[in-house]
Amino acid sequence: MLENFKNLDDQEILRNLSEQIFEVSRILNTKTEDLHNSMNYLYLSILSLLAFVLSSRLL
């Protein structure tokens, strides 16, 4: 695999690097969106748990 990269010219190396950067950027955007959604559900779960605890103490 490394030999393939050693044999590439500069244009091909730049093209490969730009494709990899684009792919990593796309993956990171997806992961960021997933993390955002998870954090929203975490806050909702904490609020629901607090409401449950407070309501059970009142009864």
PDB file of N, CA and C in Angstrom:
ATOM      1  N   MET A   1       0.831  -1.199   0.000  1.00  0.00           N
ATOM      2  CA  MET A   1       0.000   0.000   0.000  1.00  0.00           C
ATOM      3  C   MET A   1       0.871   1.256   0.000  1.00  0.00           C
ATOM      4  N   LEU A   2       1.896   1.248   0.816  1.00  0.00           N
ATOM      5  CA  LEU A   2       2.787   2.402   0.884  1.00  0.00           C
ATOM      6  C   LEU A   2       3.525   2.609  -0.432  1.00  0.00           C
ATOM      7  N   GLU A   3       3.845   1.530  -1.106  1.00  0.00           N
ATOM      8  CA  GLU A   3       4.521   1.636  -2.398  1.00  0.00           C
ATOM      9  C   GLU A   3       3.633   2.336  -3.428  1.00  0.00           C
ATOM     10  N   ASN A   4       2.344   2.117  -3.336  1.00  0.00           N
ATOM     11  CA  ASN A   4       1.425   2.787  -4.266  1.00  0.00           C
ATOM     12  C   ASN A   4       1.487   4.299  -4.093  1.00  0.00           C
ATOM     13  N   PHE A   5       1.568   4.764  -2.864  1.00  0.00           N
ATOM     14  CA  PHE A   5       1.643   6.202  -2.618  1.00  0.00           C
ATOM     15  C   PHE A   5       3.002   6.776  -2.998  1.00  0.00           C
ATOM     16  N   LYS A   6       4.022   5.998  -2.863  1.00  0.00           N
ATOM     17  CA  LYS A   6       5.350   6.482  -3.246  1.00  0.00           C
ATOM     18  C   LYS A   6       5.451   6.689  -4.748  1.00  0.00           C
ATOM     19  N   ASN A   7       4.687   5.927  -5.494  1.00  0.00           N
ATOM     20  CA  ASN A   7       4.760   5.999  -6.953  1.00  0.00           C
ATOM     21  C   ASN A   7       3.830   7.047  -7.560  1.00  0.00           C
ATOM     22  N   LEU A   8       3.029   7.700  -6.758  1.00  0.00           N
ATOM     23  CA  LEU A   8       2.101   8.702  -7.279  1.00  0.00           C
ATOM     24  C   LEU A   8       2.800  10.035  -7.522  1.00  0.00           C
ATOM     25  N   ASP A   9       2.290  10.756  -8.497  1.00  0.00           N
ATOM     26  CA  ASP A   9       2.820  12.102  -8.711  1.00  0.00           C
ATOM     27  C   ASP A   9       2.103  13.074  -7.764  1.00  0.00           C
ATOM     28  N   ASP A  10       2.530  14.316  -7.792  1.00  0.00           N
ATOM     29  CA  ASP A  10       2.021  15.312  -6.841  1.00  0.00           C
ATOM     30  C   ASP A  10       0.521  15.551  -6.991  1.00  0.00           C
ATOM     31  N   GLN A  11       0.043  15.588  -8.211  1.00  0.00           N
ATOM     32  CA  GLN A  11      -1.385  15.829  -8.439  1.00  0.00           C
ATOM     33  C   GLN A  11      -2.234  14.700  -7.858  1.00  0.00           C
ATOM     34  N   GLU A  12      -1.791  13.481  -8.055  1.00  0.00           N
ATOM     35  CA  GLU A  12      -2.524  12.331  -7.522  1.00  0.00           C
ATOM     36  C   GLU A  12      -2.493  12.315  -5.992  1.00  0.00           C
ATOM     37  N   ILE A  13      -1.377  12.684  -5.427  1.00  0.00           N
ATOM     38  CA  ILE A  13      -1.272  12.749  -3.966  1.00  0.00           C
ATOM     39  C   ILE A  13      -2.230  13.793  -3.422  1.00  0.00           C
ATOM     40  N   LEU A  14      -2.265  14.963  -4.053  1.00  0.00           N
ATOM     41  CA  LEU A  14      -3.186  16.012  -3.616  1.00  0.00           C
ATOM     42  C   LEU A  14      -4.643  15.589  -3.770  1.00  0.00           C
ATOM     43  N   ARG A  15      -4.946  14.910  -4.842  1.00  0.00           N
ATOM     44  CA  ARG A  15      -6.311  14.440  -5.058  1.00  0.00           C
ATOM     45  C   ARG A  15      -6.700  13.420  -3.994  1.00  0.00           C
ATOM     46  N   ASN A  16      -5.808  12.477  -3.705  1.00  0.00           N
ATOM     47  CA  ASN A  16      -6.083  11.474  -2.676  1.00  0.00           C
ATOM     48  C   ASN A  16      -6.252  12.117  -1.305  1.00  0.00           C
ATOM     49  N   LEU A  17      -5.391  13.065  -0.998  1.00  0.00           N
ATOM     50  CA  LEU A  17      -5.498  13.743   0.296  1.00  0.00           C
ATOM     51  C   LEU A  17      -6.789  14.542   0.410  1.00  0.00           C
ATOM     52  N   SER A  18      -7.155  15.221  -0.648  1.00  0.00           N
ATOM     53  CA  SER A  18      -8.395  16.001  -0.597  1.00  0.00           C
ATOM     54  C   SER A  18      -9.613  15.090  -0.472  1.00  0.00           C
ATOM     55  N   GLU A  19      -9.597  13.936  -1.113  1.00  0.00           N
ATOM     56  CA  GLU A  19     -10.696  12.976  -0.964  1.00  0.00           C
ATOM     57  C   GLU A  19     -10.775  12.460   0.466  1.00  0.00           C
ATOM     58  N   GLN A  20      -9.638  12.189   1.062  1.00  0.00           N
ATOM     59  CA  GLN A  20      -9.612  11.704   2.442  1.00  0.00           C
ATOM     60  C   GLN A  20     -10.081  12.783   3.412  1.00  0.00           C
ATOM     61  N   ILE A  21      -9.661  14.005   3.179  1.00  0.00           N
ATOM     62  CA  ILE A  21     -10.087  15.116   4.039  1.00  0.00           C
ATOM     63  C   ILE A  21     -11.595  15.307   3.933  1.00  0.00           C
ATOM     64  N   PHE A  22     -12.120  15.227   2.731  1.00  0.00           N
ATOM     65  CA  PHE A  22     -13.563  15.366   2.538  1.00  0.00           C
ATOM     66  C   PHE A  22     -14.317  14.246   3.258  1.00  0.00           C
ATOM     67  N   GLU A  23     -13.826  13.025   3.151  1.00  0.00           N
ATOM     68  CA  GLU A  23     -14.484  11.883   3.792  1.00  0.00           C
ATOM     69  C   GLU A  23     -14.442  12.002   5.314  1.00  0.00           C
ATOM     70  N   VAL A  24     -13.317  12.395   5.857  1.00  0.00           N
ATOM     71  CA  VAL A  24     -13.203  12.578   7.307  1.00  0.00           C
ATOM     72  C   VAL A  24     -14.117  13.702   7.767  1.00  0.00           C
ATOM     73  N   SER A  25     -14.188  14.767   7.013  1.00  0.00           N
ATOM     74  CA  SER A  25     -15.069  15.879   7.353  1.00  0.00           C
ATOM     75  C   SER A  25     -16.527  15.439   7.360  1.00  0.00           C
ATOM     76  N   ARG A  26     -16.916  14.646   6.388  1.00  0.00           N
ATOM     77  CA  ARG A  26     -18.287  14.141   6.320  1.00  0.00           C
ATOM     78  C   ARG A  26     -18.598  13.243   7.516  1.00  0.00           C
ATOM     79  N   ILE A  27     -17.663  12.375   7.867  1.00  0.00           N
ATOM     80  CA  ILE A  27     -17.849  11.482   9.015  1.00  0.00           C
ATOM     81  C   ILE A  27     -17.956  12.290  10.299  1.00  0.00           C
ATOM     82  N   LEU A  28     -17.098  13.289  10.462  1.00  0.00           N
ATOM     83  CA  LEU A  28     -17.142  14.114  11.668  1.00  0.00           C
ATOM     84  C   LEU A  28     -18.444  14.901  11.769  1.00  0.00           C
ATOM     85  N   ASN A  29     -18.954  15.392  10.659  1.00  0.00           N
ATOM     86  CA  ASN A  29     -20.242  16.090  10.680  1.00  0.00           C
ATOM     87  C   ASN A  29     -21.363  15.162  11.132  1.00  0.00           C
ATOM     88  N   THR A  30     -21.354  13.941  10.625  1.00  0.00           N
ATOM     89  CA  THR A  30     -22.366  12.965  11.027  1.00  0.00           C
ATOM     90  C   THR A  30     -22.256  12.651  12.511  1.00  0.00           C
ATOM     91  N   LYS A  31     -21.043  12.449  12.982  1.00  0.00           N
ATOM     92  CA  LYS A  31     -20.836  12.139  14.401  1.00  0.00           C
ATOM     93  C   LYS A  31     -21.232  13.315  15.284  1.00  0.00           C
ATOM     94  N   THR A  32     -20.985  14.526  14.830  1.00  0.00           N
ATOM     95  CA  THR A  32     -21.369  15.710  15.599  1.00  0.00           C
ATOM     96  C   THR A  32     -22.884  15.811  15.713  1.00  0.00           C
ATOM     97  N   GLU A  33     -23.583  15.539  14.628  1.00  0.00           N
ATOM     98  CA  GLU A  33     -25.052  15.552  14.667  1.00  0.00           C
ATOM     99  C   GLU A  33     -25.580  14.475  15.608  1.00  0.00           C
ATOM    100  N   ASP A  34     -24.986  13.280  15.550  1.00  0.00           N
ATOM    101  CA  ASP A  34     -25.410  12.198  16.445  1.00  0.00           C
ATOM    102  C   ASP A  34     -25.158  12.557  17.904  1.00  0.00           C
ATOM    103  N   LEU A  35     -24.027  13.182  18.183  1.00  0.00           N
ATOM    104  CA  LEU A  35     -23.721  13.599  19.549  1.00  0.00           C
ATOM    105  C   LEU A  35     -24.705  14.654  20.021  1.00  0.00           C
ATOM    106  N   HIS A  36     -25.042  15.583  19.161  1.00  0.00           N
ATOM    107  CA  HIS A  36     -26.010  16.623  19.511  1.00  0.00           C
ATOM    108  C   HIS A  36     -27.363  16.002  19.871  1.00  0.00           C
ATOM    109  N   ASN A  37     -27.812  15.054  19.068  1.00  0.00           N
ATOM    110  CA  ASN A  37     -29.082  14.383  19.352  1.00  0.00           C
ATOM    111  C   ASN A  37     -29.015  13.603  20.659  1.00  0.00           C
ATOM    112  N   SER A  38     -27.906  12.934  20.900  1.00  0.00           N
ATOM    113  CA  SER A  38     -27.753  12.173  22.144  1.00  0.00           C
ATOM    114  C   SER A  38     -27.762  13.088  23.355  1.00  0.00           C
ATOM    115  N   MET A  39     -27.109  14.225  23.250  1.00  0.00           N
ATOM    116  CA  MET A  39     -27.086  15.157  24.378  1.00  0.00           C
ATOM    117  C   MET A  39     -28.480  15.711  24.652  1.00  0.00           C
ATOM    118  N   ASN A  40     -29.254  15.967  23.614  1.00  0.00           N
ATOM    119  CA  ASN A  40     -30.631  16.430  23.816  1.00  0.00           C
ATOM    120  C   ASN A  40     -31.444  15.387  24.569  1.00  0.00           C
ATOM    121  N   TYR A  41     -31.309  14.119  24.194  1.00  0.00           N
ATOM    122  CA  TYR A  41     -32.035  13.062  24.895  1.00  0.00           C
ATOM    123  C   TYR A  41     -31.512  12.879  26.315  1.00  0.00           C
ATOM    124  N   LEU A  42     -30.227  13.121  26.528  1.00  0.00           N
ATOM    125  CA  LEU A  42     -29.673  13.021  27.880  1.00  0.00           C
ATOM    126  C   LEU A  42     -30.309  14.061  28.789  1.00  0.00           C
ATOM    127  N   TYR A  43     -30.397  15.296  28.323  1.00  0.00           N
ATOM    128  CA  TYR A  43     -31.016  16.346  29.133  1.00  0.00           C
ATOM    129  C   TYR A  43     -32.488  16.042  29.387  1.00  0.00           C
ATOM    130  N   LEU A  44     -33.185  15.536  28.385  1.00  0.00           N
ATOM    131  CA  LEU A  44     -34.587  15.171  28.552  1.00  0.00           C
ATOM    132  C   LEU A  44     -34.727  14.042  29.573  1.00  0.00           C
ATOM    133  N   SER A  45     -33.829  13.075  29.528  1.00  0.00           N
ATOM    134  CA  SER A  45     -33.864  11.965  30.483  1.00  0.00           C
ATOM    135  C   SER A  45     -33.596  12.448  31.900  1.00  0.00           C
ATOM    136  N   ILE A  46     -32.655  13.356  32.061  1.00  0.00           N
ATOM    137  CA  ILE A  46     -32.351  13.890  33.396  1.00  0.00           C
ATOM    138  C   ILE A  46     -33.548  14.652  33.945  1.00  0.00           C
ATOM    139  N   LEU A  47     -34.166  15.476  33.123  1.00  0.00           N
ATOM    140  CA  LEU A  47     -35.347  16.219  33.570  1.00  0.00           C
ATOM    141  C   LEU A  47     -36.494  15.275  33.919  1.00  0.00           C
ATOM    142  N   SER A  48     -36.688  14.241  33.129  1.00  0.00           N
ATOM    143  CA  SER A  48     -37.738  13.266  33.417  1.00  0.00           C
ATOM    144  C   SER A  48     -37.450  12.527  34.718  1.00  0.00           C
ATOM    145  N   LEU A  49     -36.206  12.173  34.945  1.00  0.00           N
ATOM    146  CA  LEU A  49     -35.825  11.492  36.181  1.00  0.00           C
ATOM    147  C   LEU A  49     -36.048  12.390  37.386  1.00  0.00           C
ATOM    148  N   LEU A  50     -35.677  13.653  37.275  1.00  0.00           N
ATOM    149  CA  LEU A  50     -35.905  14.591  38.373  1.00  0.00           C
ATOM    150  C   LEU A  50     -37.394  14.763  38.650  1.00  0.00           C
ATOM    151  N   ALA A  51     -38.192  14.855  37.610  1.00  0.00           N
ATOM    152  CA  ALA A  51     -39.640  14.980  37.790  1.00  0.00           C
ATOM    153  C   ALA A  51     -40.197  13.731  38.462  1.00  0.00           C
ATOM    154  N   PHE A  52     -39.717  12.563  38.077  1.00  0.00           N
ATOM    155  CA  PHE A  52     -40.173  11.322  38.693  1.00  0.00           C
ATOM    156  C   PHE A  52     -39.793  11.267  40.165  1.00  0.00           C
ATOM    157  N   VAL A  53     -38.555  11.617  40.488  1.00  0.00           N
ATOM    158  CA  VAL A  53     -38.099  11.586  41.879  1.00  0.00           C
ATOM    159  C   VAL A  53     -38.893  12.574  42.714  1.00  0.00           C
ATOM    160  N   LEU A  54     -39.083  13.775  42.215  1.00  0.00           N
ATOM    161  CA  LEU A  54     -39.835  14.778  42.973  1.00  0.00           C
ATOM    162  C   LEU A  54     -41.293  14.371  43.151  1.00  0.00           C
ATOM    163  N   SER A  55     -41.896  13.807  42.123  1.00  0.00           N
ATOM    164  CA  SER A  55     -43.299  13.397  42.256  1.00  0.00           C
ATOM    165  C   SER A  55     -43.441  12.196  43.182  1.00  0.00           C
ATOM    166  N   SER A  56     -42.468  11.305  43.213  1.00  0.00           N
ATOM    167  CA  SER A  56     -42.559  10.148  44.108  1.00  0.00           C
ATOM    168  C   SER A  56     -42.329  10.554  45.561  1.00  0.00           C
ATOM    169  N   ARG A  57     -41.570  11.605  45.801  1.00  0.00           N
ATOM    170  CA  ARG A  57     -41.359  12.081  47.171  1.00  0.00           C
ATOM    171  C   ARG A  57     -42.604  12.783  47.701  1.00  0.00           C
ATOM    172  N   LEU A  58     -43.358  13.397  46.815  1.00  0.00           N
ATOM    173  CA  LEU A  58     -44.564  14.101  47.242  1.00  0.00           C
ATOM    174  C   LEU A  58     -45.695  13.134  47.577  1.00  0.00           C
ATOM    175  N   LEU A  59     -45.669  11.949  46.991  1.00  0.00           N
ATOM    176  CA  LEU A  59     -46.739  10.978  47.249  1.00  0.00           C
ATOM    177  C   LEU A  59     -46.376  10.171  48.406  1.00  0.00           C
TER     178      LEU A  59
END
